[in-house]
Amino acid sequence: MTAGQTISNADTVSASTAGEKLWNQEFTHSEKPRSCAACHGENPGLEGKHVRTGKRIKPMAPSITPGRLTDVKKVEKWFKRNCKWTLGRECTPEEKRHFIAYVENWKE
């Protein structure tokens, strides 16, 4: 996106809807199906728990966890790690945009 461009509300809603679908979609590249929701929970406004390590995960929604998604380097690191683990590959830029739209626009 360049300076002066805006994203329409319809585009945001569409991206958010696609992000919600991606969040809940199960990927079957491993022995057990994986999804974002498996660790982060079905509700991005609530705490999650990693299915393998048991580590608690703060809510993904920036409205609940201020500062979430603000450090680009950290966001890219976690996208790379979590997409490979969950999807079996890196996320596309479009998938990242959809995911971010979903958690940023999540409402209680």
Protein backbone atom coordinates (compact mmCIF):
# COMPACT_ATOMS: atom_id res chain seq x y z
CA MET A 1 0.00 0.00 0.00
CA THR A 2 1.35 3.43 -0.85
CA ALA A 3 0.79 6.84 0.69
CA GLY A 4 -2.62 8.16 -0.17
CA GLN A 5 -4.19 4.74 -0.65
CA THR A 6 -6.96 3.63 1.64
CA ILE A 7 -8.64 0.34 2.25
CA SER A 8 -12.39 0.49 1.94
CA ASN A 9 -14.59 -0.90 4.69
CA ALA A 10 -15.75 -3.63 2.29
CA ASP A 11 -12.13 -4.66 1.67
CA THR A 12 -11.48 -4.77 5.41
CA VAL A 13 -14.58 -6.87 6.05
CA SER A 14 -13.66 -9.22 3.22
CA ALA A 15 -10.07 -9.58 4.48
CA SER A 16 -11.30 -10.06 8.04
CA THR A 17 -13.73 -12.78 6.93
CA ALA A 18 -10.95 -14.53 5.00
CA GLY A 19 -8.73 -14.21 8.08
CA GLU A 20 -11.34 -15.81 10.31
CA LYS A 21 -11.64 -18.71 7.86
CA LEU A 22 -7.84 -19.10 7.82
CA TRP A 23 -7.74 -18.91 11.65
CA ASN A 24 -10.14 -21.86 11.97
CA GLN A 25 -9.03 -23.91 8.95
CA GLU A 26 -7.37 -27.23 9.71
CA PHE A 27 -4.23 -28.12 7.78
CA THR A 28 -3.35 -31.77 7.41
CA HIS A 29 0.34 -31.75 6.43
CA SER A 30 1.31 -33.44 9.71
CA GLU A 31 0.15 -36.45 11.71
CA LYS A 32 -2.51 -34.39 13.50
CA PRO A 33 -4.50 -31.56 11.87
CA ARG A 34 -3.32 -28.09 12.87
CA SER A 35 -4.99 -24.69 12.93
CA CYS A 36 -4.33 -21.25 14.39
CA ALA A 37 -7.31 -21.83 16.69
CA ALA A 38 -5.79 -25.06 18.03
CA CYS A 39 -3.22 -23.04 20.02
CA HIS A 40 -4.63 -19.52 20.07
CA GLY A 41 -8.21 -20.61 20.75
CA GLU A 42 -11.31 -20.06 18.67
CA ASN A 43 -11.65 -16.58 20.15
CA PRO A 44 -8.69 -14.23 19.47
CA GLY A 45 -9.79 -12.17 22.46
CA LEU A 46 -9.05 -14.97 24.91
CA GLU A 47 -5.82 -16.58 26.06
CA GLY A 48 -4.65 -19.66 24.18
CA LYS A 49 -2.37 -22.58 25.00
CA HIS A 50 0.16 -24.23 22.69
CA VAL A 51 -0.99 -27.77 21.98
CA ARG A 52 2.49 -29.28 22.14
CA THR A 53 4.31 -27.23 24.79
CA GLY A 54 1.36 -26.16 26.94
CA LYS A 55 2.75 -22.60 26.96
CA ARG A 56 0.13 -19.94 27.60
CA ILE A 57 -0.41 -17.50 24.73
CA LYS A 58 -1.75 -14.01 25.36
CA PRO A 59 -4.85 -13.04 23.37
CA MET A 60 -4.05 -12.16 19.76
CA ALA A 61 -6.55 -9.31 19.52
CA PRO A 62 -4.74 -5.96 19.92
CA SER A 63 -7.91 -4.62 21.54
CA ILE A 64 -7.26 -7.01 24.44
CA THR A 65 -3.44 -7.18 24.34
CA PRO A 66 -2.14 -3.66 23.65
CA GLY A 67 1.10 -3.69 21.69
CA ARG A 68 0.18 -6.88 19.84
CA LEU A 69 1.21 -6.69 16.15
CA THR A 70 3.15 -3.43 16.59
CA ASP A 71 6.72 -4.72 16.14
CA VAL A 72 7.11 -5.64 12.44
CA LYS A 73 10.24 -7.73 13.00
CA LYS A 74 8.56 -9.73 15.76
CA VAL A 75 5.37 -10.18 13.71
CA GLU A 76 7.35 -11.50 10.73
CA LYS A 77 9.33 -13.86 12.99
CA TRP A 78 6.14 -15.35 14.43
CA PHE A 79 4.41 -15.55 11.05
CA LYS A 80 7.37 -17.48 9.68
CA ARG A 81 7.50 -19.88 12.63
CA ASN A 82 3.77 -20.39 13.10
CA CYS A 83 2.85 -20.60 9.43
CA LYS A 84 5.46 -23.30 8.86
CA TRP A 85 4.24 -25.25 11.89
CA THR A 86 0.51 -24.79 11.18
CA LEU A 87 0.25 -24.64 7.39
CA GLY A 88 3.42 -26.58 6.57
CA ARG A 89 4.74 -23.58 4.62
CA GLU A 90 5.23 -19.84 4.94
CA CYS A 91 2.11 -17.69 4.73
CA THR A 92 1.58 -15.59 1.65
CA PRO A 93 1.44 -11.79 2.03
CA GLU A 94 -2.31 -12.00 1.35
CA GLU A 95 -2.82 -14.60 4.10
CA LYS A 96 -0.88 -12.38 6.52
CA ARG A 97 -3.06 -9.40 5.58
CA HIS A 98 -6.21 -11.46 6.13
CA PHE A 99 -5.00 -12.80 9.46
CA ILE A 100 -4.06 -9.32 10.71
CA ALA A 101 -7.39 -7.89 9.52
CA TYR A 102 -9.23 -10.59 11.46
CA VAL A 103 -7.46 -10.12 14.79
CA GLU A 104 -7.33 -6.32 14.52
CA ASN A 105 -11.05 -6.08 13.77
CA TRP A 106 -12.16 -8.76 16.21
CA LYS A 107 -14.97 -7.58 18.45
CA GLU A 108 -16.24 -9.11 21.68
